[in-house]
Protein backbone atom coordinates (compact mmCIF):
# COMPACT_ATOMS: atom_id res chain seq x y z
CA MET A 1 -5.88 -5.70 35.88
CA LYS A 2 -4.15 -8.18 34.51
CA LYS A 3 -6.39 -11.06 34.98
CA PHE A 4 -9.10 -8.46 33.27
CA LYS A 5 -7.25 -7.78 30.31
CA LYS A 6 -6.38 -11.42 29.68
CA LEU A 7 -10.04 -11.70 30.26
CA MET A 8 -11.05 -9.76 27.53
CA SER A 9 -8.31 -11.26 25.38
CA ALA A 10 -9.91 -14.75 25.57
CA ILE A 11 -13.02 -13.15 25.28
CA LEU A 12 -12.25 -11.04 22.36
CA ALA A 13 -9.90 -13.86 20.84
CA ALA A 14 -12.89 -16.10 20.86
CA ALA A 15 -15.14 -13.56 19.08
CA MET A 16 -12.40 -13.61 16.31
CA VAL A 17 -12.20 -16.97 15.52
CA MET A 18 -16.52 -17.19 15.49
CA SER A 19 -16.49 -14.16 13.27
CA LEU A 20 -14.47 -14.54 9.82
CA ALA A 21 -12.82 -11.10 9.64
CA ALA A 22 -10.37 -10.36 6.65
CA CYS A 23 -8.93 -7.75 5.19
CA SER A 24 -9.57 -7.51 1.10
CA ASP A 25 -9.74 -4.69 -2.24
CA GLY A 26 -12.55 -3.25 -0.28
CA LYS A 27 -11.62 -3.22 3.18
CA THR A 28 -11.76 0.26 5.41
CA GLU A 29 -9.85 1.58 7.92
CA ALA A 30 -10.79 3.73 10.85
CA VAL A 31 -8.05 5.87 12.36
CA ASN A 32 -7.16 6.92 16.10
CA GLU A 33 -5.46 10.23 15.95
CA SER A 34 -5.17 9.92 19.67
CA ASN A 35 -2.86 6.36 19.56
CA GLY A 36 -2.45 6.11 16.14
CA THR A 37 -4.00 2.80 15.85
CA ALA A 38 -5.51 2.20 12.74
CA VAL A 39 -7.85 -0.81 12.26
CA ALA A 40 -8.81 -2.92 8.97
CA GLU A 41 -12.26 -4.12 8.90
CA SER A 42 -13.02 -6.65 6.17
CA GLY A 43 -15.56 -5.73 3.06
CA ALA A 44 -15.27 -9.83 1.27
CA SER A 45 -17.78 -11.91 2.05
CA THR A 46 -17.21 -15.22 4.31
CA GLU A 47 -17.50 -17.13 0.58
CA GLU A 48 -14.62 -14.86 -0.82
CA ASN A 49 -12.32 -16.39 2.69
CA ALA A 50 -13.52 -19.60 2.55
CA ASN A 51 -10.21 -20.90 0.92
CA THR A 52 -8.23 -18.50 3.12
CA ALA A 53 -6.21 -20.75 6.15
CA ALA A 54 -5.19 -17.78 7.69
CA SER A 55 -8.89 -15.61 8.03
CA ASP A 56 -8.96 -16.36 12.10
CA VAL A 57 -5.98 -14.84 12.30
CA LYS A 58 -5.57 -10.91 13.43
CA VAL A 59 -2.14 -9.20 13.12
CA GLY A 60 -1.21 -6.13 15.78
CA PHE A 61 1.67 -4.11 14.53
CA ILE A 62 3.27 -1.70 16.99
CA PHE A 63 5.81 0.90 14.86
CA LEU A 64 7.99 3.52 16.04
CA HIS A 65 7.14 6.34 13.84
CA ASP A 66 4.36 6.68 10.69
CA GLU A 67 4.87 7.11 7.26
CA ASN A 68 7.00 9.90 7.44
CA SER A 69 10.15 8.04 8.35
CA THR A 70 10.73 5.64 5.62
CA TYR A 71 11.88 2.88 8.11
CA ASP A 72 8.43 2.52 9.65
CA LEU A 73 7.37 3.52 6.40
CA ASN A 74 8.71 -0.11 4.29
CA PHE A 75 7.70 -1.93 7.63
CA ILE A 76 3.97 -0.56 7.14
CA ASN A 77 3.76 -1.41 3.11
CA ALA A 78 4.72 -4.47 3.55
CA ALA A 79 2.57 -5.62 6.71
CA GLU A 80 -0.31 -4.24 4.62
CA GLU A 81 0.84 -5.98 1.36
CA ALA A 82 1.48 -9.55 3.32
CA CYS A 83 -2.27 -8.98 5.91
CA LYS A 84 -4.20 -8.09 1.99
CA ALA A 85 -2.74 -11.28 0.84
CA ALA A 86 -3.82 -13.55 3.29
CA GLY A 87 -6.76 -12.39 3.86
CA VAL A 88 -6.63 -11.19 7.64
CA GLU A 89 -8.10 -8.40 9.61
CA TYR A 90 -4.67 -6.54 11.56
CA MET A 91 -4.18 -3.19 13.37
CA LEU A 92 -1.54 -0.90 13.25
CA LYS A 93 -0.23 1.29 16.19
CA THR A 94 1.69 4.62 14.77
CA ASN A 95 4.37 6.81 17.11
CA ILE A 96 4.67 3.82 19.84
CA PRO A 97 7.74 5.35 21.93
CA GLU A 98 10.81 2.47 23.36
CA GLY A 99 9.17 2.91 26.19
CA GLN A 100 6.29 1.65 28.47
CA GLU A 101 3.94 2.89 25.92
CA CYS A 102 5.15 -0.25 23.77
CA TYR A 103 4.23 -2.50 26.58
CA GLU A 104 0.71 -0.84 26.99
CA ALA A 105 -0.12 -0.41 23.67
CA ALA A 106 0.75 -4.72 22.76
CA CYS A 107 -1.65 -5.42 25.94
CA GLU A 108 -4.46 -3.58 24.20
CA LEU A 109 -3.27 -5.20 20.61
CA ALA A 110 -4.04 -8.40 22.93
CA ASP A 111 -7.18 -7.60 24.28
CA ALA A 112 -8.38 -6.86 21.33
CA GLY A 113 -8.06 -9.94 19.78
CA CYS A 114 -4.95 -10.41 17.68
CA ASN A 115 -3.05 -13.52 18.14
CA ILE A 116 0.21 -12.26 16.41
CA VAL A 117 1.85 -9.12 17.65
CA PHE A 118 4.79 -7.43 16.19
CA ALA A 119 7.07 -4.53 17.21
CA ASP A 120 9.94 -3.09 14.80
CA SER A 121 12.31 -1.19 16.97
CA PHE A 122 15.17 -2.68 18.41
CA GLY A 123 14.42 -0.47 22.42
CA HIS A 124 10.74 -2.07 21.92
CA GLU A 125 12.35 -5.31 23.19
CA ASP A 126 12.08 -5.66 26.80
CA TYR A 127 8.33 -4.19 27.16
CA MET A 128 6.82 -6.93 24.03
CA ILE A 129 8.87 -9.58 26.57
CA GLU A 130 6.85 -8.40 29.23
CA ALA A 131 3.76 -8.82 27.12
CA ALA A 132 4.62 -11.61 25.95
CA LYS A 133 4.91 -13.01 29.62
CA GLU A 134 1.24 -11.69 30.48
CA TYR A 135 -0.46 -13.42 26.87
CA PRO A 136 0.97 -16.62 26.59
CA GLU A 137 -1.46 -17.77 24.05
CA VAL A 138 -0.94 -14.84 22.32
CA GLN A 139 2.45 -15.09 19.64
CA PHE A 140 4.98 -11.57 20.31
CA CYS A 141 7.65 -11.40 17.53
CA HIS A 142 9.78 -8.33 17.08
CA ALA A 143 12.04 -7.20 14.85
CA THR A 144 16.59 -6.29 14.93
CA GLY A 145 15.63 -8.32 18.72
CA THR A 146 18.71 -9.82 20.44
CA LYS A 147 17.36 -11.82 23.31
CA ALA A 148 14.34 -14.44 22.17
CA HIS A 149 17.07 -17.01 21.95
CA THR A 150 18.07 -16.54 25.65
CA GLU A 151 14.56 -15.92 27.04
CA ASN A 152 13.70 -19.33 26.21
CA LEU A 153 9.46 -18.02 26.04
CA SER A 154 7.52 -20.30 22.75
CA ASN A 155 5.95 -17.14 22.75
CA TYR A 156 8.33 -15.03 21.78
CA HIS A 157 10.39 -14.56 18.77
CA ASN A 158 13.04 -12.62 16.90
CA ALA A 159 13.60 -11.57 13.41
CA PHE A 160 16.12 -9.59 10.44
CA ALA A 161 17.38 -10.53 7.41
CA SER A 162 20.59 -10.65 5.80
CA ILE A 163 20.56 -6.85 4.91
CA TYR A 164 24.43 -6.89 4.71
CA GLU A 165 24.12 -8.46 1.44
CA GLY A 166 21.57 -5.57 -0.13
CA ARG A 167 24.72 -3.07 1.67
CA TYR A 168 27.30 -4.93 0.36
CA LEU A 169 25.06 -4.81 -3.12
CA ALA A 170 24.72 -1.08 -3.22
CA GLY A 171 28.76 -0.49 -1.86
CA ILE A 172 29.19 -2.54 -5.69
CA ALA A 173 26.86 -0.01 -7.06
CA ALA A 174 28.77 2.88 -4.96
CA GLY A 175 32.50 2.23 -6.20
CA LEU A 176 31.49 1.79 -9.95
CA LYS A 177 30.50 5.34 -9.25
CA LEU A 178 33.65 6.35 -7.80
CA ASN A 179 35.12 4.39 -10.94
CA GLU A 180 33.55 6.62 -12.47
CA MET A 181 34.30 9.88 -11.13
CA ILE A 182 37.73 8.62 -11.04
CA ASP A 183 37.76 7.85 -15.07
CA ASN A 184 35.88 10.83 -16.14
CA GLY A 185 38.55 13.18 -13.84
CA THR A 186 35.85 14.11 -11.75
CA ILE A 187 38.49 12.85 -8.55
CA THR A 188 41.39 11.32 -8.16
CA GLU A 189 42.15 8.08 -7.34
CA ASP A 190 43.23 8.82 -3.55
CA LYS A 191 40.35 11.23 -3.38
CA ALA A 192 37.88 8.32 -3.47
CA LYS A 193 36.20 8.88 0.22
CA MET A 194 32.90 7.85 0.44
CA GLY A 195 30.38 9.01 3.91
CA TYR A 196 28.07 7.73 5.58
CA ILE A 197 24.88 8.85 8.48
CA GLY A 198 24.30 6.61 11.19
CA ALA A 199 22.24 6.62 14.55
CA TYR A 200 24.17 4.77 17.06
CA THR A 201 27.28 2.75 17.80
CA TYR A 202 25.17 -0.66 17.68
CA ALA A 203 26.48 -3.61 15.77
CA GLU A 204 23.57 -3.15 13.58
CA VAL A 205 24.49 -0.12 11.98
CA ILE A 206 28.09 -1.15 12.45
CA SER A 207 27.30 -4.33 10.39
CA GLY A 208 25.68 -1.77 7.64
CA TYR A 209 28.43 0.09 7.08
CA THR A 210 30.61 -2.37 6.82
CA SER A 211 29.08 -4.41 4.45
CA PHE A 212 28.38 -1.24 2.18
CA PHE A 213 32.60 -0.41 2.40
CA LEU A 214 33.37 -3.78 1.89
CA GLY A 215 31.25 -3.63 -1.36
CA ALA A 216 32.33 -0.81 -2.62
CA ARG A 217 36.19 -1.85 -2.31
CA SER A 218 35.16 -5.44 -4.40
CA VAL A 219 34.65 -2.35 -7.02
CA CYS A 220 37.00 0.22 -5.87
CA PRO A 221 40.48 -0.19 -3.84
CA SER A 222 41.30 3.05 -3.34
CA ALA A 223 37.97 3.95 -1.74
CA THR A 224 37.81 5.00 1.94
CA MET A 225 35.05 6.11 4.40
CA GLU A 226 34.13 8.41 6.99
CA VAL A 227 31.25 7.63 9.16
CA THR A 228 29.06 10.27 11.59
CA PHE A 229 26.62 9.31 13.76
CA THR A 230 23.12 11.52 14.66
CA GLY A 231 22.46 9.70 18.20
CA SER A 232 18.27 8.76 17.03
CA TRP A 233 17.21 6.69 14.45
CA TYR A 234 15.19 9.84 12.47
CA ASP A 235 16.52 13.41 13.01
CA GLU A 236 16.39 14.67 9.91
CA THR A 237 18.01 18.34 10.49
CA ALA A 238 20.49 16.07 12.34
CA GLU A 239 20.97 13.80 9.66
CA LYS A 240 20.84 17.01 6.37
CA GLU A 241 24.16 18.35 8.85
CA GLY A 242 25.84 15.57 9.19
CA ALA A 243 25.58 14.67 5.02
CA ASN A 244 26.68 18.76 4.82
CA LYS A 245 29.94 17.91 7.22
CA LEU A 246 30.75 15.19 5.52
CA ILE A 247 30.19 16.73 2.33
CA GLU A 248 32.61 19.21 3.80
CA ASP A 249 35.59 17.22 4.99
CA GLY A 250 36.02 15.68 1.16
CA CYS A 251 33.49 12.59 1.10
CA VAL A 252 32.28 12.26 -2.56
CA LEU A 253 29.31 10.30 -2.08
CA ILE A 254 27.31 9.54 0.80
CA SER A 255 24.72 6.82 2.43
CA GLN A 256 23.18 6.32 5.47
CA HIS A 257 21.50 4.12 8.15
CA ALA A 258 19.06 6.92 9.09
CA ASP A 259 15.56 7.18 8.83
CA SER A 260 15.04 10.84 7.61
CA MET A 261 14.92 12.55 4.10
CA GLY A 262 17.51 14.82 5.27
CA ALA A 263 20.84 13.13 4.11
CA PRO A 264 19.31 12.71 0.43
CA THR A 265 18.00 15.97 -0.02
CA ALA A 266 21.58 17.68 1.01
CA CYS A 267 23.30 15.81 -1.33
CA GLU A 268 20.62 17.10 -4.22
CA LYS A 269 21.35 20.22 -3.19
CA ALA A 270 25.27 19.67 -3.12
CA GLY A 271 25.16 17.49 -6.58
CA VAL A 272 26.39 14.63 -4.72
CA PRO A 273 25.67 11.57 -5.29
CA ASP A 274 23.48 9.25 -2.67
CA ILE A 275 22.82 5.74 -1.62
CA SER A 276 19.98 6.45 0.06
CA TYR A 277 18.20 3.41 2.91
CA ASN A 278 14.51 1.73 3.06
CA GLY A 279 13.49 2.99 -0.61
CA SER A 280 13.35 5.05 -3.81
CA THR A 281 14.93 8.96 -3.08
CA ALA A 282 14.43 9.29 -7.01
CA SER A 283 11.61 11.70 -7.14
CA ALA A 284 13.10 13.72 -4.64
CA CYS A 285 16.39 13.49 -5.81
CA PRO A 286 16.42 12.90 -9.79
CA ASN A 287 20.53 14.34 -10.15
CA THR A 288 21.96 12.53 -7.21
CA PHE A 289 19.95 9.39 -6.50
CA VAL A 290 22.23 6.30 -6.96
CA VAL A 291 19.64 2.83 -5.61
CA SER A 292 18.26 2.02 -2.19
CA SER A 293 18.52 -1.38 -0.40
CA ARG A 294 16.10 -2.38 2.23
CA ILE A 295 14.47 -5.23 4.00
CA ASP A 296 11.47 -6.93 2.26
CA TRP A 297 9.30 -7.77 5.41
CA ALA A 298 6.26 -9.23 3.76
CA PRO A 299 8.07 -12.59 3.36
CA TYR A 300 8.14 -12.74 7.48
CA PHE A 301 4.46 -11.76 7.65
CA SER A 302 3.38 -14.34 5.62
CA TYR A 303 5.68 -16.96 7.80
CA ILE A 304 4.17 -16.09 10.76
CA ILE A 305 0.57 -15.36 9.53
CA ASP A 306 0.78 -19.23 8.00
CA ALA A 307 2.29 -20.68 11.23
CA THR A 308 -0.12 -19.36 13.53
CA ALA A 309 -2.46 -19.72 10.91
CA ASN A 310 -1.97 -24.12 10.69
CA GLY A 311 -0.11 -24.33 14.30
CA LYS A 312 3.32 -24.33 12.99
CA GLU A 313 6.15 -23.18 15.06
CA ILE A 314 7.50 -19.75 14.36
CA ALA A 315 11.77 -20.17 14.85
CA THR A 316 13.13 -18.43 17.36
CA ASP A 317 15.32 -16.60 15.18
CA TRP A 318 14.57 -15.92 11.82
CA VAL A 319 16.75 -14.57 8.77
CA GLY A 320 15.50 -13.33 5.36
CA THR A 321 17.91 -13.70 2.49
CA LEU A 322 18.19 -12.85 -0.95
CA ASP A 323 16.57 -16.23 -1.93
CA THR A 324 13.73 -15.55 0.13
CA GLY A 325 12.88 -12.22 -1.27
CA SER A 326 13.69 -10.37 2.57
CA VAL A 327 17.25 -8.73 0.62
CA VAL A 328 16.25 -6.27 -1.94
CA LEU A 329 17.43 -3.31 -4.42
CA THR A 330 15.25 -0.69 -5.91
CA ASP A 331 16.05 -0.05 -9.29
CA LEU A 332 18.71 2.05 -10.57
CA GLY A 333 18.63 5.84 -10.30
CA ASN A 334 20.00 8.47 -12.76
CA ALA A 335 23.25 8.86 -11.31
CA ALA A 336 24.74 5.09 -11.42
CA ALA A 337 27.42 4.45 -13.22
CA GLU A 338 26.61 2.01 -16.74
CA GLY A 339 27.63 -1.71 -15.87
CA THR A 340 26.03 -1.18 -12.13
CA ALA A 341 22.75 -3.73 -13.10
CA ASP A 342 25.74 -6.72 -14.07
CA ALA A 343 27.61 -6.15 -11.58
CA ILE A 344 25.13 -6.27 -8.96
CA SER A 345 23.28 -9.13 -10.74
CA LYS A 346 26.58 -11.44 -10.95
CA ALA A 347 27.75 -10.77 -7.42
CA GLU A 348 23.48 -11.45 -6.54
CA ALA A 349 24.53 -14.86 -8.20
CA ASP A 350 27.60 -15.14 -6.12
CA LEU A 351 26.24 -14.61 -2.78
CA LYS A 352 23.05 -16.77 -3.39
CA SER A 353 25.66 -19.87 -4.70
CA GLY A 354 27.83 -19.31 -1.25
CA SER A 355 31.09 -19.04 -3.97
CA LEU A 356 30.88 -15.07 -2.24
CA HIS A 357 30.78 -14.37 1.05
CA VAL A 358 30.35 -10.41 2.50
CA PHE A 359 32.94 -10.86 5.49
CA ASP A 360 35.98 -12.66 3.39
CA THR A 361 38.46 -12.03 6.19
CA THR A 362 40.73 -12.74 3.46
CA LYS A 363 38.72 -9.10 2.39
CA PHE A 364 40.01 -6.65 5.41
CA THR A 365 42.03 -6.26 8.16
CA VAL A 366 42.01 -5.22 11.52
CA GLU A 367 44.38 -2.92 13.40
CA GLY A 368 46.58 -4.08 9.72
CA LYS A 369 46.36 -8.16 10.93
CA GLU A 370 43.19 -10.43 8.93
CA LEU A 371 41.23 -12.40 11.67
CA SER A 372 41.19 -16.05 12.10
CA SER A 373 39.37 -16.02 14.80
CA TYR A 374 37.00 -13.43 16.61
CA MET A 375 34.18 -14.23 19.99
CA ALA A 376 30.93 -12.23 19.29
CA ASP A 377 28.90 -10.84 21.73
CA VAL A 378 25.95 -13.45 20.54
CA ASP A 379 24.09 -13.76 23.74
CA THR A 380 24.15 -10.39 24.86
CA ASP A 381 24.42 -9.34 28.38
CA ALA A 382 25.20 -6.08 30.35
CA ASN A 383 28.33 -6.25 29.92
CA TYR A 384 28.90 -7.31 26.30
CA THR A 385 30.61 -9.96 26.45
CA ALA A 386 32.17 -12.08 23.87
CA ASP A 387 30.52 -15.62 24.00
CA THR A 388 30.43 -17.15 20.39
CA GLU A 389 33.15 -17.82 17.62
CA VAL A 390 31.99 -16.67 14.73
CA ILE A 391 34.73 -16.97 12.43
CA THR A 392 33.79 -20.42 9.75
CA ASP A 393 35.16 -21.49 7.01
CA GLY A 394 37.12 -18.53 6.45
CA TYR A 395 34.15 -15.58 6.93
CA PHE A 396 32.13 -13.82 9.42
CA ALA A 397 29.22 -15.89 10.10
CA GLU A 398 27.05 -12.74 10.02
CA SER A 399 23.18 -13.00 11.43
CA ASN A 400 23.22 -16.77 11.73
CA PRO A 401 19.96 -17.99 12.84
CA GLU A 402 21.96 -21.08 14.90
CA PHE A 403 23.34 -18.01 16.88
CA ARG A 404 20.41 -14.78 17.26
CA SER A 405 18.71 -12.84 13.66
CA ALA A 406 19.97 -9.76 15.10
CA PRO A 407 23.55 -8.33 13.18
CA TYR A 408 26.94 -9.00 15.61
CA PHE A 409 29.11 -7.63 13.70
CA ASN A 410 30.99 -4.98 16.00
CA LEU A 411 34.53 -4.80 14.20
CA GLN A 412 36.28 -1.66 13.59
CA ILE A 413 38.09 -2.38 10.10
CA ASP A 414 40.69 -0.77 8.35
CA GLY A 415 39.35 1.61 5.90
CA ILE A 416 36.81 3.52 8.03
CA SER A 417 37.06 5.95 10.09
CA LEU A 418 34.90 7.11 12.22
CA LEU A 419 34.48 11.05 13.17
CA ASP A 420 32.43 10.24 16.90
CA THR A 421 31.59 7.49 18.58
CA ALA A 422 29.53 9.13 21.47
CA TYR A 423 26.00 7.18 20.34
């Protein structure tokens, strides 16, 4: 079976190079309903694509869910944007679980002539690595993974972005909203409690809600936060219930690291300000939406397409930043406080210049103490062994590509309380 797959991959790849395939405004899509695969084919002439260096590249994408998930839709939009801009053919596979189905999908994409295969969910990683070992001529790229720097495969790569900076900026918007509520008498300073719906107690989620909290605290010193978890990246019912539970517990503003509209719509119904994730919810929540942060994956997709087309090395761990356009905020919603845009703009400039660091160790404590040293579990193993010093120059160096692109901030800082930790 493996020999057959490799033979088919070589034949299809050779055929692809001989025929100039590209996406353009005239592309068509054929969708196979049984496996969620969409194939984009060229509607452009050879002359139109003659100067496109990436014209021999074909990219396959694997998504955990489909466009109904804000997380996956964010990736799908970026994939289509980058592939259209580069003029390359691409294939999309949606609703691929974090199991053997991912390996099978990756092999199918490689056999279909894709010389880049990308997957978007943490649990896809082991199956992408398995496929990478079987198809050494194909580049396998994976978002949020942790193992590329320890697997040492030349064709397997991890990518992430400094989204903790985007969440910090969104936190500033939250803190200013709390201040507005204090100033107009809606709440008192001691009632400036935020709620946060997380999926799992992974470092990625901890890093996200901590940076959001620190952003809020930077402008509203009395802010506190409660976090609840759903045990799923996408569960609209659980996310809505989580938001309602936090609101009932006295939280006056809600944010999330989960992928449905459950929490935002619960906030709209309750009249509670909401900071969403992965895109604006203004159309569904016009009265409560404040702002949203997200990773724009188009710069990374453009990068790997260019690298593959021109024979360049793809970084083992790639981290997108504010400067690369990989960390972005939506337009402000109607619920944003006055002065929010200016405050975010100033903080963003400070983050870019390096005069501000999200995890500045003078800005938070752990069990009442300031950190001067911390060994993080960067080379993740089964025992979660702390192995890397990550406090440098007075701040926690999160998502440092010299260590690992995926987040490894897993500290529980003072001011944040967890309602459940079963996940």
